[in-house]
C-alpha atoms as a PDB file:
ATOM      1  CA  MET A   1       0.000   0.000   0.000  1.00  0.00           C
ATOM      2  CA  THR A   2       2.828   2.438   0.800  1.00  0.00           C
ATOM      3  CA  GLU A   3       4.245   2.055  -2.697  1.00  0.00           C
ATOM      4  CA  GLN A   4       0.963   3.338  -4.167  1.00  0.00           C
ATOM      5  CA  LEU A   5       1.592   6.742  -2.590  1.00  0.00           C
ATOM      6  CA  ILE A   6       4.892   7.133  -4.431  1.00  0.00           C
ATOM      7  CA  LYS A   7       4.019   8.403  -7.867  1.00  0.00           C
ATOM      8  CA  THR A   8       6.609   9.002 -10.548  1.00  0.00           C
ATOM      9  CA  PRO A   9       8.264  12.311  -9.571  1.00  0.00           C
ATOM     10  CA  THR A  10       8.011  15.175 -12.000  1.00  0.00           C
ATOM     11  CA  THR A  11      11.137  16.373 -13.765  1.00  0.00           C
ATOM     12  CA  HIS A  12      11.915  19.126 -11.269  1.00  0.00           C
ATOM     13  CA  THR A  13      11.965  16.744  -8.311  1.00  0.00           C
ATOM     14  CA  SER A  14      13.567  13.682  -9.860  1.00  0.00           C
ATOM     15  CA  MET A  15      17.161  14.829 -10.070  1.00  0.00           C
ATOM     16  CA  ASN A  16      19.590  11.955  -9.789  1.00  0.00           C
ATOM     17  CA  ASP A  17      22.529  12.217  -7.416  1.00  0.00           C
ATOM     18  CA  ALA A  18      24.892  13.353 -10.168  1.00  0.00           C
ATOM     19  CA  SER A  19      22.671  16.221 -11.328  1.00  0.00           C
ATOM     20  CA  LYS A  20      22.025  17.277  -7.733  1.00  0.00           C
ATOM     21  CA  LYS A  21      25.760  17.516  -7.062  1.00  0.00           C
ATOM     22  CA  GLU A  22      26.147  19.672 -10.188  1.00  0.00           C
ATOM     23  CA  SER A  23      23.477  22.120  -8.997  1.00  0.00           C
ATOM     24  CA  PRO A  24      24.924  24.957  -6.893  1.00  0.00           C
ATOM     25  CA  LEU A  25      24.137  24.913  -3.187  1.00  0.00           C
ATOM     26  CA  LEU A  26      21.586  27.640  -2.516  1.00  0.00           C
ATOM     27  CA  LEU A  27      20.863  27.357   1.213  1.00  0.00           C
ATOM     28  CA  ASP A  28      23.097  25.829   3.874  1.00  0.00           C
ATOM     29  CA  ILE A  29      21.839  25.909   7.467  1.00  0.00           C
ATOM     30  CA  GLU A  30      24.054  24.274  10.084  1.00  0.00           C
ATOM     31  CA  ASN A  31      23.134  23.801  13.756  1.00  0.00           C
ATOM     32  CA  LEU A  32      20.332  26.347  13.918  1.00  0.00           C
ATOM     33  CA  SER A  33      18.745  26.698  17.361  1.00  0.00           C
ATOM     34  CA  VAL A  34      15.884  28.898  18.554  1.00  0.00           C
ATOM     35  CA  THR A  35      15.284  29.552  22.255  1.00  0.00           C
ATOM     36  CA  PHE A  36      12.338  31.412  23.738  1.00  0.00           C
ATOM     37  CA  GLY A  37      12.718  33.100  27.123  1.00  0.00           C
ATOM     38  CA  GLN A  38      15.732  33.207  29.394  1.00  0.00           C
ATOM     39  CA  GLY A  39      17.151  31.486  32.448  1.00  0.00           C
ATOM     40  CA  VAL A  40      15.161  28.647  33.991  1.00  0.00           C
ATOM     41  CA  ARG A  41      12.180  29.517  31.793  1.00  0.00           C
ATOM     42  CA  ALA A  42      14.180  29.188  28.567  1.00  0.00           C
ATOM     43  CA  PHE A  43      12.720  26.756  26.064  1.00  0.00           C
ATOM     44  CA  ARG A  44      14.649  25.499  23.041  1.00  0.00           C
ATOM     45  CA  ALA A  45      11.969  25.157  20.364  1.00  0.00           C
ATOM     46  CA  VAL A  46      14.465  24.363  17.584  1.00  0.00           C
ATOM     47  CA  ASP A  47      17.513  22.290  18.417  1.00  0.00           C
ATOM     48  CA  ASP A  48      20.576  22.163  16.129  1.00  0.00           C
ATOM     49  CA  VAL A  49      18.680  21.896  12.845  1.00  0.00           C
ATOM     50  CA  SER A  50      20.786  21.503   9.702  1.00  0.00           C
ATOM     51  CA  LEU A  51      19.345  21.681   6.177  1.00  0.00           C
ATOM     52  CA  LYS A  52      20.806  22.003   2.693  1.00  0.00           C
ATOM     53  CA  ILE A  53      18.961  22.780  -0.533  1.00  0.00           C
ATOM     54  CA  THR A  54      20.358  23.235  -4.032  1.00  0.00           C
ATOM     55  CA  GLN A  55      19.087  25.545  -6.756  1.00  0.00           C
ATOM     56  CA  GLY A  56      15.837  24.296  -8.287  1.00  0.00           C
ATOM     57  CA  GLU A  57      15.370  21.533  -5.694  1.00  0.00           C
ATOM     58  CA  VAL A  58      12.183  20.762  -3.764  1.00  0.00           C
ATOM     59  CA  ILE A  59      12.556  19.462  -0.213  1.00  0.00           C
ATOM     60  CA  ALA A  60       9.729  18.576   2.176  1.00  0.00           C
ATOM     61  CA  VAL A  61       9.823  19.196   5.934  1.00  0.00           C
ATOM     62  CA  VAL A  62       7.282  17.034   7.784  1.00  0.00           C
ATOM     63  CA  GLY A  63       6.202  16.403  11.364  1.00  0.00           C
ATOM     64  CA  GLU A  64       3.361  16.939  13.831  1.00  0.00           C
ATOM     65  CA  SER A  65       2.267  20.369  15.004  1.00  0.00           C
ATOM     66  CA  GLY A  66       4.810  21.568  17.551  1.00  0.00           C
ATOM     67  CA  SER A  67       7.750  19.901  15.795  1.00  0.00           C
ATOM     68  CA  GLY A  68       9.433  23.234  15.018  1.00  0.00           C
ATOM     69  CA  LYS A  69       8.950  23.295  11.236  1.00  0.00           C
ATOM     70  CA  SER A  70       7.482  26.788  10.944  1.00  0.00           C
ATOM     71  CA  VAL A  71       9.686  28.254  13.691  1.00  0.00           C
ATOM     72  CA  THR A  72      12.786  27.088  11.813  1.00  0.00           C
ATOM     73  CA  MET A  73      11.679  28.874   8.654  1.00  0.00           C
ATOM     74  CA  MET A  74      10.534  31.966  10.546  1.00  0.00           C
ATOM     75  CA  ALA A  75      14.016  32.136  12.087  1.00  0.00           C
ATOM     76  CA  LEU A  76      15.524  32.077   8.598  1.00  0.00           C
ATOM     77  CA  MET A  77      13.144  34.855   7.524  1.00  0.00           C
ATOM     78  CA  GLY A  78      13.890  36.929  10.629  1.00  0.00           C
ATOM     79  CA  LEU A  79      10.225  36.995  11.619  1.00  0.00           C
ATOM     80  CA  LEU A  80      10.435  35.710  15.192  1.00  0.00           C
ATOM     81  CA  PRO A  81       9.503  37.963  18.143  1.00  0.00           C
ATOM     82  CA  PRO A  82      12.161  39.674  20.319  1.00  0.00           C
ATOM     83  CA  SER A  83      11.721  36.951  22.954  1.00  0.00           C
ATOM     84  CA  ALA A  84      13.405  34.479  20.586  1.00  0.00           C
ATOM     85  CA  THR A  85      17.160  33.949  20.578  1.00  0.00           C
ATOM     86  CA  VAL A  86      18.483  32.496  17.312  1.00  0.00           C
ATOM     87  CA  ARG A  87      21.919  30.878  17.129  1.00  0.00           C
ATOM     88  CA  SER A  88      23.565  29.004  14.284  1.00  0.00           C
ATOM     89  CA  LYS A  89      26.995  27.803  13.245  1.00  0.00           C
ATOM     90  CA  ARG A  90      26.343  28.739   9.622  1.00  0.00           C
ATOM     91  CA  VAL A  91      23.531  30.184   7.506  1.00  0.00           C
ATOM     92  CA  MET A  92      24.666  30.659   3.916  1.00  0.00           C
ATOM     93  CA  PHE A  93      22.281  31.735   1.165  1.00  0.00           C
ATOM     94  CA  ASP A  94      23.447  32.051  -2.420  1.00  0.00           C
ATOM     95  CA  ASP A  95      27.081  32.271  -1.214  1.00  0.00           C
ATOM     96  CA  LYS A  96      26.180  35.064   1.193  1.00  0.00           C
ATOM     97  CA  ASP A  97      26.751  34.779   4.953  1.00  0.00           C
ATOM     98  CA  MET A  98      23.444  35.786   6.510  1.00  0.00           C
ATOM     99  CA  LEU A  99      24.913  35.744  10.010  1.00  0.00           C
ATOM    100  CA  SER A 100      27.294  38.598   9.251  1.00  0.00           C
ATOM    101  CA  MET A 101      24.778  40.699   7.298  1.00  0.00           C
ATOM    102  CA  SER A 102      23.447  43.988   8.526  1.00  0.00           C
ATOM    103  CA  ALA A 103      19.708  44.390   9.026  1.00  0.00           C
ATOM    104  CA  LYS A 104      19.559  46.526   5.866  1.00  0.00           C
ATOM    105  CA  GLU A 105      21.272  43.835   3.790  1.00  0.00           C
ATOM    106  CA  LYS A 106      18.870  41.183   5.072  1.00  0.00           C
ATOM    107  CA  ARG A 107      15.888  43.336   4.121  1.00  0.00           C
ATOM    108  CA  GLY A 108      17.212  43.296   0.574  1.00  0.00           C
ATOM    109  CA  ILE A 109      17.029  39.476   0.515  1.00  0.00           C
ATOM    110  CA  ILE A 110      14.008  38.578   2.653  1.00  0.00           C
ATOM    111  CA  GLY A 111      10.832  38.999   0.636  1.00  0.00           C
ATOM    112  CA  LYS A 112      12.800  39.255  -2.606  1.00  0.00           C
ATOM    113  CA  ASP A 113      15.247  36.340  -2.973  1.00  0.00           C
ATOM    114  CA  ILE A 114      13.707  34.336  -0.101  1.00  0.00           C
ATOM    115  CA  SER A 115       9.934  34.421   0.084  1.00  0.00           C
ATOM    116  CA  MET A 116       7.317  32.589   2.118  1.00  0.00           C
ATOM    117  CA  ILE A 117       3.728  31.466   1.702  1.00  0.00           C
ATOM    118  CA  PHE A 118       2.232  31.518   5.193  1.00  0.00           C
ATOM    119  CA  GLN A 119      -0.403  29.221   6.658  1.00  0.00           C
ATOM    120  CA  ASN A 120      -4.024  30.275   6.258  1.00  0.00           C
ATOM    121  CA  ALA A 121      -3.848  33.108   3.750  1.00  0.00           C
ATOM    122  CA  MET A 122      -7.217  34.508   4.839  1.00  0.00           C
ATOM    123  CA  SER A 123      -5.770  35.452   8.223  1.00  0.00           C
ATOM    124  CA  CYS A 124      -2.396  36.606   6.857  1.00  0.00           C
ATOM    125  CA  LEU A 125      -3.692  39.147   4.339  1.00  0.00           C
ATOM    126  CA  ASN A 126      -4.376  42.582   5.802  1.00  0.00           C
ATOM    127  CA  PRO A 127      -8.180  43.085   5.941  1.00  0.00           C
ATOM    128  CA  SER A 128      -7.806  46.860   5.686  1.00  0.00           C
ATOM    129  CA  PHE A 129      -6.163  46.931   2.255  1.00  0.00           C
ATOM    130  CA  THR A 130      -7.213  45.814  -1.204  1.00  0.00           C
ATOM    131  CA  VAL A 131      -5.460  43.122  -3.210  1.00  0.00           C
ATOM    132  CA  GLU A 132      -3.930  45.812  -5.425  1.00  0.00           C
ATOM    133  CA  MET A 133      -2.519  47.751  -2.461  1.00  0.00           C
ATOM    134  CA  GLN A 134      -0.978  44.685  -0.814  1.00  0.00           C
ATOM    135  CA  LEU A 135       0.652  43.367  -3.979  1.00  0.00           C
ATOM    136  CA  GLY A 136       1.761  46.860  -4.938  1.00  0.00           C
ATOM    137  CA  GLU A 137       3.609  47.337  -1.646  1.00  0.00           C
ATOM    138  CA  VAL A 138       5.858  44.338  -2.418  1.00  0.00           C
ATOM    139  CA  LEU A 139       6.653  45.608  -5.906  1.00  0.00           C
ATOM    140  CA  ARG A 140       7.409  49.151  -4.769  1.00  0.00           C
ATOM    141  CA  LYS A 141       9.523  48.040  -1.817  1.00  0.00           C
ATOM    142  CA  HIS A 142      11.690  45.397  -3.473  1.00  0.00           C
ATOM    143  CA  LEU A 143      11.642  46.216  -7.192  1.00  0.00           C
ATOM    144  CA  GLY A 144      11.196  49.979  -7.084  1.00  0.00           C
ATOM    145  CA  LEU A 145       8.275  49.929  -9.524  1.00  0.00           C
ATOM    146  CA  ARG A 146       6.122  53.031  -9.754  1.00  0.00           C
ATOM    147  CA  GLY A 147       3.002  54.277 -11.510  1.00  0.00           C
ATOM    148  CA  SER A 148       1.335  52.178 -14.189  1.00  0.00           C
ATOM    149  CA  ALA A 149       4.162  49.616 -14.071  1.00  0.00           C
ATOM    150  CA  VAL A 150       2.921  48.516 -10.653  1.00  0.00           C
ATOM    151  CA  GLN A 151      -0.648  47.847 -11.791  1.00  0.00           C
ATOM    152  CA  THR A 152       0.570  46.100 -14.957  1.00  0.00           C
ATOM    153  CA  ARG A 153       2.773  43.783 -12.918  1.00  0.00           C
ATOM    154  CA  ILE A 154       0.012  43.100 -10.374  1.00  0.00           C
ATOM    155  CA  LEU A 155      -2.326  42.018 -13.145  1.00  0.00           C
ATOM    156  CA  GLU A 156       0.408  39.814 -14.626  1.00  0.00           C
ATOM    157  CA  LEU A 157       0.902  38.134 -11.257  1.00  0.00           C
ATOM    158  CA  LEU A 158      -2.803  37.493 -10.698  1.00  0.00           C
ATOM    159  CA  GLU A 159      -3.082  35.970 -14.160  1.00  0.00           C
ATOM    160  CA  LEU A 160       0.057  33.921 -13.511  1.00  0.00           C
ATOM    161  CA  VAL A 161      -1.534  32.351 -10.427  1.00  0.00           C
ATOM    162  CA  GLU A 162      -4.715  31.745 -12.425  1.00  0.00           C
ATOM    163  CA  MET A 163      -6.929  34.114 -10.450  1.00  0.00           C
ATOM    164  CA  PRO A 164     -10.466  34.009 -11.920  1.00  0.00           C
ATOM    165  CA  ASP A 165     -11.486  37.347 -13.445  1.00  0.00           C
ATOM    166  CA  ALA A 166      -8.160  38.832 -12.344  1.00  0.00           C
ATOM    167  CA  LYS A 167      -8.809  42.399 -13.490  1.00  0.00           C
ATOM    168  CA  ASN A 168     -11.901  42.719 -11.323  1.00  0.00           C
ATOM    169  CA  ARG A 169     -10.096  41.390  -8.210  1.00  0.00           C
ATOM    170  CA  LEU A 170      -7.707  44.343  -7.931  1.00  0.00           C
ATOM    171  CA  LYS A 171     -10.019  46.521  -5.835  1.00  0.00           C
ATOM    172  CA  VAL A 172     -11.484  43.828  -3.579  1.00  0.00           C
ATOM    173  CA  TYR A 173     -10.627  43.242   0.071  1.00  0.00           C
ATOM    174  CA  PRO A 174      -9.538  39.859   1.506  1.00  0.00           C
ATOM    175  CA  HIS A 175     -12.948  39.164   3.075  1.00  0.00           C
ATOM    176  CA  GLN A 176     -14.459  39.306  -0.408  1.00  0.00           C
ATOM    177  CA  LEU A 177     -12.278  36.415  -1.612  1.00  0.00           C
ATOM    178  CA  SER A 178     -12.771  32.680  -1.226  1.00  0.00           C
ATOM    179  CA  GLY A 179     -10.126  30.560   0.495  1.00  0.00           C
ATOM    180  CA  GLY A 180      -8.660  29.447  -2.832  1.00  0.00           C
ATOM    181  CA  MET A 181      -8.560  33.017  -4.163  1.00  0.00           C
ATOM    182  CA  SER A 182      -6.869  34.261  -0.962  1.00  0.00           C
ATOM    183  CA  GLN A 183      -4.245  31.544  -1.336  1.00  0.00           C
ATOM    184  CA  ARG A 184      -3.603  32.631  -4.925  1.00  0.00           C
ATOM    185  CA  VAL A 185      -3.094  36.231  -3.770  1.00  0.00           C
ATOM    186  CA  MET A 186      -0.646  35.015  -1.133  1.00  0.00           C
ATOM    187  CA  ILE A 187       1.249  33.007  -3.763  1.00  0.00           C
ATOM    188  CA  ALA A 188       1.283  36.025  -6.092  1.00  0.00           C
ATOM    189  CA  MET A 189       2.851  38.114  -3.301  1.00  0.00           C
ATOM    190  CA  ALA A 190       5.425  35.407  -2.617  1.00  0.00           C
ATOM    191  CA  ILE A 191       6.560  35.077  -6.244  1.00  0.00           C
ATOM    192  CA  ALA A 192       6.244  38.785  -7.149  1.00  0.00           C
ATOM    193  CA  CYS A 193      10.030  39.287  -7.121  1.00  0.00           C
ATOM    194  CA  GLU A 194      10.818  35.870  -8.625  1.00  0.00           C
ATOM    195  CA  PRO A 195      12.578  34.535  -5.503  1.00  0.00           C
ATOM    196  CA  LYS A 196      15.359  31.987  -5.648  1.00  0.00           C
ATOM    197  CA  LEU A 197      13.882  30.156  -2.636  1.00  0.00           C
ATOM    198  CA  LEU A 198      10.173  29.780  -1.901  1.00  0.00           C
ATOM    199  CA  ILE A 199       9.064  28.473   1.504  1.00  0.00           C
ATOM    200  CA  ALA A 200       5.546  27.030   1.305  1.00  0.00           C
ATOM    201  CA  ASP A 201       4.253  26.602   4.864  1.00  0.00           C
ATOM    202  CA  GLU A 202       1.177  24.353   4.716  1.00  0.00           C
ATOM    203  CA  PRO A 203       0.065  26.034   1.455  1.00  0.00           C
ATOM    204  CA  THR A 204      -3.163  24.017   1.241  1.00  0.00           C
ATOM    205  CA  THR A 205      -4.374  24.484   4.839  1.00  0.00           C
ATOM    206  CA  ALA A 206      -8.166  24.921   5.181  1.00  0.00           C
ATOM    207  CA  LEU A 207      -8.772  24.331   1.464  1.00  0.00           C
ATOM    208  CA  ASP A 208     -11.033  21.637   0.058  1.00  0.00           C
ATOM    209  CA  VAL A 209      -9.478  18.701  -1.781  1.00  0.00           C
ATOM    210  CA  THR A 210     -10.117  20.031  -5.287  1.00  0.00           C
ATOM    211  CA  VAL A 211      -8.599  23.444  -4.524  1.00  0.00           C
ATOM    212  CA  GLN A 212      -5.666  21.776  -2.738  1.00  0.00           C
ATOM    213  CA  ALA A 213      -4.799  19.919  -5.927  1.00  0.00           C
ATOM    214  CA  GLN A 214      -5.094  23.118  -7.976  1.00  0.00           C
ATOM    215  CA  ILE A 215      -2.811  25.046  -5.609  1.00  0.00           C
ATOM    216  CA  MET A 216      -0.145  22.322  -5.615  1.00  0.00           C
ATOM    217  CA  ASP A 217      -0.288  22.036  -9.416  1.00  0.00           C
ATOM    218  CA  LEU A 218       0.133  25.813  -9.561  1.00  0.00           C
ATOM    219  CA  LEU A 219       3.117  25.815  -7.193  1.00  0.00           C
ATOM    220  CA  ASN A 220       4.775  22.990  -9.102  1.00  0.00           C
ATOM    221  CA  ARG A 221       4.289  24.773 -12.427  1.00  0.00           C
ATOM    222  CA  LEU A 222       5.681  28.043 -11.073  1.00  0.00           C
ATOM    223  CA  GLN A 223       8.600  26.222  -9.472  1.00  0.00           C
ATOM    224  CA  ARG A 224       9.508  24.574 -12.770  1.00  0.00           C
ATOM    225  CA  GLU A 225       9.062  27.706 -14.876  1.00  0.00           C
ATOM    226  CA  LYS A 226      11.005  29.970 -12.518  1.00  0.00           C
ATOM    227  CA  GLN A 227      13.506  27.275 -11.440  1.00  0.00           C
ATOM    228  CA  MET A 228      12.938  28.199  -7.801  1.00  0.00           C
ATOM    229  CA  ALA A 229      14.093  26.040  -4.947  1.00  0.00           C
ATOM    230  CA  MET A 230      11.158  25.225  -2.683  1.00  0.00           C
ATOM    231  CA  ILE A 231      10.804  24.068   0.914  1.00  0.00           C
ATOM    232  CA  LEU A 232       7.400  22.433   1.380  1.00  0.00           C
ATOM    233  CA  ILE A 233       6.238  22.309   5.007  1.00  0.00           C
ATOM    234  CA  THR A 234       3.369  19.881   5.396  1.00  0.00           C
ATOM    235  CA  HIS A 235       1.630  17.186   7.446  1.00  0.00           C
ATOM    236  CA  ASP A 236       0.414  15.460   4.280  1.00  0.00           C
ATOM    237  CA  LEU A 237       2.694  12.606   3.276  1.00  0.00           C
ATOM    238  CA  GLY A 238       0.735  12.247   0.049  1.00  0.00           C
ATOM    239  CA  LEU A 239       1.916  15.738  -0.941  1.00  0.00           C
ATOM    240  CA  VAL A 240       5.443  14.756   0.031  1.00  0.00           C
ATOM    241  CA  ALA A 241       5.411  11.687  -2.195  1.00  0.00           C
ATOM    242  CA  GLN A 242       4.093  13.589  -5.189  1.00  0.00           C
ATOM    243  CA  ASN A 243       5.974  16.866  -4.932  1.00  0.00           C
ATOM    244  CA  SER A 244       9.451  16.427  -3.439  1.00  0.00           C
ATOM    245  CA  ARG A 245      12.580  14.386  -3.825  1.00  0.00           C
ATOM    246  CA  ASP A 246      14.157  14.789  -0.383  1.00  0.00           C
ATOM    247  CA  VAL A 247      12.515  14.825   3.039  1.00  0.00           C
ATOM    248  CA  ALA A 248      13.495  16.110   6.480  1.00  0.00           C
ATOM    249  CA  VAL A 249      11.410  14.687   9.332  1.00  0.00           C
ATOM    250  CA  MET A 250      11.218  16.898  12.433  1.00  0.00           C
ATOM    251  CA  TYR A 251      10.139  16.031  15.952  1.00  0.00           C
ATOM    252  CA  ALA A 252      10.209  18.291  19.034  1.00  0.00           C
ATOM    253  CA  GLY A 253      12.504  20.803  17.357  1.00  0.00           C
ATOM    254  CA  GLN A 254      14.993  18.276  16.012  1.00  0.00           C
ATOM    255  CA  VAL A 255      15.550  16.802  12.562  1.00  0.00           C
ATOM    256  CA  VAL A 256      15.280  13.078  13.331  1.00  0.00           C
ATOM    257  CA  GLU A 257      15.662  11.770   9.784  1.00  0.00           C
ATOM    258  CA  THR A 258      16.633  12.953   6.313  1.00  0.00           C
ATOM    259  CA  SER A 259      16.281  10.792   3.241  1.00  0.00           C
ATOM    260  CA  THR A 260      14.871  10.547  -0.286  1.00  0.00           C
ATOM    261  CA  VAL A 261      11.175  10.022  -0.985  1.00  0.00           C
ATOM    262  CA  PRO A 262      11.347   6.393  -2.180  1.00  0.00           C
ATOM    263  CA  GLU A 263      13.645   5.367   0.672  1.00  0.00           C
ATOM    264  CA  ILE A 264      11.708   7.096   3.436  1.00  0.00           C
ATOM    265  CA  PHE A 265       8.427   5.510   2.322  1.00  0.00           C
ATOM    266  CA  GLN A 266       9.789   2.028   1.726  1.00  0.00           C
ATOM    267  CA  LYS A 267      12.347   1.791   4.544  1.00  0.00           C
ATOM    268  CA  PRO A 268      11.916   4.493   7.234  1.00  0.00           C
ATOM    269  CA  ALA A 269      14.979   4.610   9.465  1.00  0.00           C
ATOM    270  CA  HIS A 270      13.427   6.397  12.474  1.00  0.00           C
ATOM    271  CA  PRO A 271      10.523   5.041  14.583  1.00  0.00           C
ATOM    272  CA  TYR A 272       8.790   8.426  14.352  1.00  0.00           C
ATOM    273  CA  THR A 273       8.882   8.345  10.551  1.00  0.00           C
ATOM    274  CA  GLU A 274       7.516   4.803  10.700  1.00  0.00           C
ATOM    275  CA  ALA A 275       4.660   5.980  12.927  1.00  0.00           C
ATOM    276  CA  LEU A 276       3.799   8.841  10.534  1.00  0.00           C
ATOM    277  CA  LEU A 277       3.581   6.367   7.679  1.00  0.00           C
ATOM    278  CA  GLN A 278       1.435   3.996   9.751  1.00  0.00           C
ATOM    279  CA  ALA A 279      -1.077   6.835  10.208  1.00  0.00           C
ATOM    280  CA  ILE A 280      -1.706   7.204   6.463  1.00  0.00           C
ATOM    281  CA  PRO A 281      -5.441   6.529   5.914  1.00  0.00           C
ATOM    282  CA  GLU A 282      -4.792   4.198   2.959  1.00  0.00           C
ATOM    283  CA  LEU A 283      -2.907   1.873   5.300  1.00  0.00           C
ATOM    284  CA  ALA A 284      -5.840   1.631   7.731  1.00  0.00           C
ATOM    285  CA  ILE A 285      -8.512   0.402   5.315  1.00  0.00           C
ATOM    286  CA  GLY A 286     -10.706  -2.136   7.099  1.00  0.00           C
ATOM    287  CA  GLN A 287      -9.763  -0.870  10.569  1.00  0.00           C
ATOM    288  CA  ASP A 288     -12.059   1.005  12.943  1.00  0.00           C
ATOM    289  CA  ARG A 289      -9.484   3.745  13.576  1.00  0.00           C
ATOM    290  CA  LEU A 290      -6.237   5.072  12.139  1.00  0.00           C
ATOM    291  CA  ASN A 291      -3.021   3.802  13.659  1.00  0.00           C
ATOM    292  CA  SER A 292      -1.527   6.420  15.949  1.00  0.00           C
ATOM    293  CA  LEU A 293       1.381   6.988  18.270  1.00  0.00           C
ATOM    294  CA  PRO A 294       0.308   7.463  21.910  1.00  0.00           C
ATOM    295  CA  GLY A 295       1.017  10.769  23.635  1.00  0.00           C
ATOM    296  CA  VAL A 296       1.907  14.181  22.225  1.00  0.00           C
ATOM    297  CA  VAL A 297       5.009  16.160  21.264  1.00  0.00           C
ATOM    298  CA  PRO A 298       6.743  17.114  24.557  1.00  0.00           C
ATOM    299  CA  SER A 299       6.375  20.709  25.698  1.00  0.00           C
ATOM    300  CA  GLN A 300       8.724  22.915  27.670  1.00  0.00           C
ATOM    301  CA  TYR A 301       7.976  21.185  30.973  1.00  0.00           C
ATOM    302  CA  ASP A 302       7.853  17.490  30.061  1.00  0.00           C
ATOM    303  CA  ARG A 303      10.859  16.992  27.817  1.00  0.00           C
ATOM    304  CA  PRO A 304      12.792  13.787  28.557  1.00  0.00           C
ATOM    305  CA  SER A 305      16.529  13.976  29.167  1.00  0.00           C
ATOM    306  CA  GLY A 306      17.432  11.407  26.495  1.00  0.00           C
ATOM    307  CA  CYS A 307      15.719  10.666  23.189  1.00  0.00           C
ATOM    308  CA  LEU A 308      12.805  13.088  22.890  1.00  0.00           C
ATOM    309  CA  LEU A 309      10.597  10.400  21.346  1.00  0.00           C
ATOM    310  CA  SER A 310      11.308   7.844  24.088  1.00  0.00           C
ATOM    311  CA  PRO A 311       8.078   8.394  26.137  1.00  0.00           C
ATOM    312  CA  ARG A 312       6.047   7.508  23.025  1.00  0.00           C
ATOM    313  CA  CYS A 313       8.380   5.052  21.301  1.00  0.00           C
ATOM    314  CA  PRO A 314       7.462   1.341  21.183  1.00  0.00           C
ATOM    315  CA  TYR A 315      11.147   0.421  20.877  1.00  0.00           C
ATOM    316  CA  LYS A 316      12.303   2.246  24.017  1.00  0.00           C
ATOM    317  CA  GLU A 317      15.129   0.619  25.967  1.00  0.00           C
ATOM    318  CA  PRO A 318      17.585   1.794  28.680  1.00  0.00           C
ATOM    319  CA  ALA A 319      20.015   3.126  26.061  1.00  0.00           C
ATOM    320  CA  CYS A 320      17.357   5.667  25.028  1.00  0.00           C
ATOM    321  CA  GLU A 321      17.827   7.544  28.302  1.00  0.00           C
ATOM    322  CA  VAL A 322      20.774   9.414  26.764  1.00  0.00           C
ATOM    323  CA  PRO A 323      20.572  11.614  23.644  1.00  0.00           C
ATOM    324  CA  PRO A 324      20.848   9.384  20.561  1.00  0.00           C
ATOM    325  CA  PRO A 325      23.718   9.726  18.070  1.00  0.00           C
ATOM    326  CA  ILE A 326      23.209  11.047  14.556  1.00  0.00           C
ATOM    327  CA  LEU A 327      24.026   8.185  12.201  1.00  0.00           C
ATOM    328  CA  ASP A 328      24.590   8.074   8.458  1.00  0.00           C
ATOM    329  CA  THR A 329      22.161   6.106   6.289  1.00  0.00           C
ATOM    330  CA  PRO A 330      22.456   5.243   2.565  1.00  0.00           C
ATOM    331  CA  ASN A 331      20.426   8.354   1.621  1.00  0.00           C
ATOM    332  CA  GLY A 332      20.731  10.710   4.577  1.00  0.00           C
ATOM    333  CA  LYS A 333      20.960  10.736   8.370  1.00  0.00           C
ATOM    334  CA  VAL A 334      18.939   9.461  11.332  1.00  0.00           C
ATOM    335  CA  ARG A 335      18.917  10.370  15.030  1.00  0.00           C
ATOM    336  CA  CYS A 336      18.211   6.960  16.607  1.00  0.00           C
ATOM    337  CA  ILE A 337      19.975   3.833  17.837  1.00  0.00           C
ATOM    338  CA  HIS A 338      17.313   1.772  16.041  1.00  0.00           C
ATOM    339  CA  SER A 339      18.161   3.094  12.586  1.00  0.00           C
ATOM    340  CA  ASP A 340      18.057  -0.413  11.125  1.00  0.00           C
ATOM    341  CA  PRO A 341      14.359  -1.438  10.910  1.00  0.00           C
ATOM    342  CA  SER A 342      15.317  -5.119  11.066  1.00  0.00           C
ATOM    343  CA  SER A 343      16.667  -4.589  14.602  1.00  0.00           C
ATOM    344  CA  ARG A 344      13.335  -3.367  15.949  1.00  0.00           C
ATOM    345  CA  ASN A 345      10.864  -5.463  17.880  1.00  0.00           C
ATOM    346  CA  SER A 346       7.981  -5.489  15.395  1.00  0.00           C
ATOM    347  CA  THR A 347       5.737  -7.471  17.768  1.00  0.00           C
ATOM    348  CA  SER A 348       5.990  -4.736  20.400  1.00  0.00           C
ATOM    349  CA  HIS A 349       5.215  -2.084  17.826  1.00  0.00           C
ATOM    350  CA  THR A 350       2.158  -3.881  16.493  1.00  0.00           C
ATOM    351  CA  ALA A 351       0.796  -4.307  20.002  1.00  0.00           C
ATOM    352  CA  THR A 352       1.282  -0.615  20.749  1.00  0.00           C
ATOM    353  CA  LEU A 353      -0.553   0.440  17.596  1.00  0.00           C
ATOM    354  CA  GLU A 354      -3.395  -2.038  18.116  1.00  0.00           C
ATOM    355  CA  SER A 355      -3.905  -0.731  21.639  1.00  0.00           C
ATOM    356  CA  GLN A 356      -4.951   2.603  20.122  1.00  0.00           C
ATOM    357  CA  VAL A 357      -7.793   1.052  18.092  1.00  0.00           C
END
């Protein structure tokens, strides 16, 4: 059943290893951490996250709510509140060191070369301004367009994202748009300056299935045409299988596994990845309930001292009481002593899952 979710990747996501090595490295994040608060109340929401993405590549970042996916990307964008402390060994974008940049230099990159589609466009668009005013602000700020050139470009963007009756949407306010139309406006804002990297944070949230498919087809087409790199943040493993080549699985602020799409679906190296796959509805046909992992992502006050998954993991053993090593796998890395699926106690795992039904 798992194999059915892995459709033939489109050209932009099916780079072989040789072509990927030939593509220039666009983004290199090494040991990024985000801490909220100070002293005894400090909480590390993102813990030593490392990600690499080459030009034109699509990578998916998956995990439950609270895994740190959005916070990681917000840290890159510089959009976290003052209470957040961001530290990193290296953040290189397009051969530029973002750690040594001035605030003015970063403003020249964020929103122009690095852009982001936020969750729930209807709540992210400003209700006080029309579509034309909000798109125009991006064009004036980053591209210096003025006068009729602004309106011409706005109309081009709305037509590019396939906005129905685009010309008559210029003067409307966000509350006058449907969810799908709002998402198209958000995408138009994100691609207005033809960014080199597009971060799509749950781009199909709150949309019905038909519109979800339209939005993903649109993003894929724009990504291919503009040769953008794209980071797709999602809970939907079906989207991952169809739209990306590489995957980073996050849990409780840590990247617990990185691998390619075929490998991560057919042979998950981390128990958490295995549990996410077990929760796919197609794998629970004939059952009363979906398989699920007991418990929730640990918060600030209930984080274990060793492996962060250990309170929920069916393979827990005494060795899990210390932080697990990061091990190499054939297609990536895994943060677990049980990286070889054949070494796991499958009977224990089955019993744990069945107890949730």
